[in-house]
Amino acid sequence: METIERKTLLYKSGLGFWCVNHVQGCSHGCLYPCYAFMMAKSYGRAADYGDWTKPRLVAEAASGARSESSPSSARRRARR
């Protein structure tokens, strides 16, 4: 599987909770464009639907999850 680089695995959603995004894209190939694809396209993370249907693993997913889930990291996020 192809990999991509990201600054962080954790993102605060517009609804106020934290999300872990370790993969970008989706291999389901639905016949309709989903919300995730439309958001990725609007933020420049997917060029088109064909690009979106080729998932990419975040390169530092395993090590990043360990470091970002540490207590000190949680305190930094709480201050944001």
Protein backbone atom coordinates (compact mmCIF):
# COMPACT_ATOMS: atom_id res chain seq x y z
CA MET A 1 0.00 0.00 0.00
CA GLU A 2 1.25 3.47 -0.84
CA THR A 3 2.05 5.77 2.07
CA ILE A 4 1.70 9.50 2.72
CA GLU A 5 3.25 11.86 5.29
CA ARG A 6 1.15 13.83 7.77
CA LYS A 7 1.96 16.13 10.68
CA THR A 8 -0.41 14.33 13.02
CA LEU A 9 -2.81 11.39 13.20
CA LEU A 10 -5.23 13.18 15.51
CA TYR A 11 -7.67 15.79 14.24
CA LYS A 12 -10.37 17.66 16.10
CA SER A 13 -13.63 17.31 14.20
CA GLY A 14 -16.04 20.15 13.58
CA LEU A 15 -18.31 18.48 16.15
CA GLY A 16 -15.68 18.89 18.88
CA PHE A 17 -14.35 15.35 19.31
CA TRP A 18 -10.95 13.93 18.34
CA CYS A 19 -10.53 11.56 15.37
CA VAL A 20 -7.69 9.25 14.35
CA ASN A 21 -7.05 9.20 10.62
CA HIS A 22 -4.45 6.55 9.75
CA VAL A 23 -5.60 6.04 6.13
CA GLN A 24 -6.50 8.55 3.45
CA GLY A 25 -8.97 7.32 0.86
CA CYS A 26 -11.45 4.47 0.55
CA SER A 27 -11.53 1.26 -1.45
CA HIS A 28 -15.30 0.70 -1.31
CA GLY A 29 -15.87 2.35 -4.70
CA CYS A 30 -19.44 3.47 -3.99
CA LEU A 31 -21.49 4.70 -6.93
CA TYR A 32 -22.10 8.04 -5.22
CA PRO A 33 -19.50 10.47 -3.85
CA CYS A 34 -19.45 10.34 -0.06
CA TYR A 35 -18.99 13.19 2.39
CA ALA A 36 -15.41 12.14 3.19
CA PHE A 37 -14.43 12.30 -0.50
CA MET A 38 -16.08 15.69 -0.98
CA MET A 39 -14.24 17.10 2.05
CA ALA A 40 -10.90 15.60 0.92
CA LYS A 41 -11.37 17.10 -2.53
CA SER A 42 -12.26 20.53 -1.16
CA TYR A 43 -9.09 20.52 1.02
CA GLY A 44 -6.87 19.29 -1.82
CA ARG A 45 -6.24 15.80 -0.39
CA ALA A 46 -7.83 14.02 -3.37
CA ALA A 47 -7.60 15.12 -6.99
CA ASP A 48 -10.67 13.18 -8.13
CA TYR A 49 -12.80 10.15 -7.21
CA GLY A 50 -10.35 7.75 -8.88
CA ASP A 51 -7.56 9.10 -6.68
CA TRP A 52 -9.78 8.75 -3.58
CA THR A 53 -10.48 5.05 -4.29
CA LYS A 54 -6.75 4.23 -3.89
CA PRO A 55 -6.26 4.31 -0.08
CA ARG A 56 -2.90 5.43 1.30
CA LEU A 57 -1.55 4.56 4.72
CA VAL A 58 -0.11 7.37 6.85
CA ALA A 59 3.60 6.49 7.05
CA GLU A 60 4.05 7.17 10.77
CA ALA A 61 0.73 5.61 11.83
CA ALA A 62 2.11 3.10 14.37
CA SER A 63 4.76 5.29 15.99
CA GLY A 64 2.62 8.42 15.78
CA ALA A 65 -0.31 6.80 17.57
CA ARG A 66 1.92 5.80 20.49
CA SER A 67 3.46 9.25 20.90
CA GLU A 68 0.21 11.18 20.39
CA SER A 69 -1.68 9.07 22.92
CA SER A 70 0.80 9.83 25.72
CA PRO A 71 -0.43 11.84 28.75
CA SER A 72 1.74 14.87 27.89
CA SER A 73 0.33 14.93 24.37
CA ALA A 74 -3.22 14.81 25.74
CA ARG A 75 -2.47 17.86 27.92
CA ARG A 76 -1.19 19.80 24.87
CA ARG A 77 -4.39 19.00 22.93
CA ALA A 78 -6.57 20.08 25.87
CA ARG A 79 -5.00 23.54 25.76
CA ARG A 80 -5.92 24.09 22.09
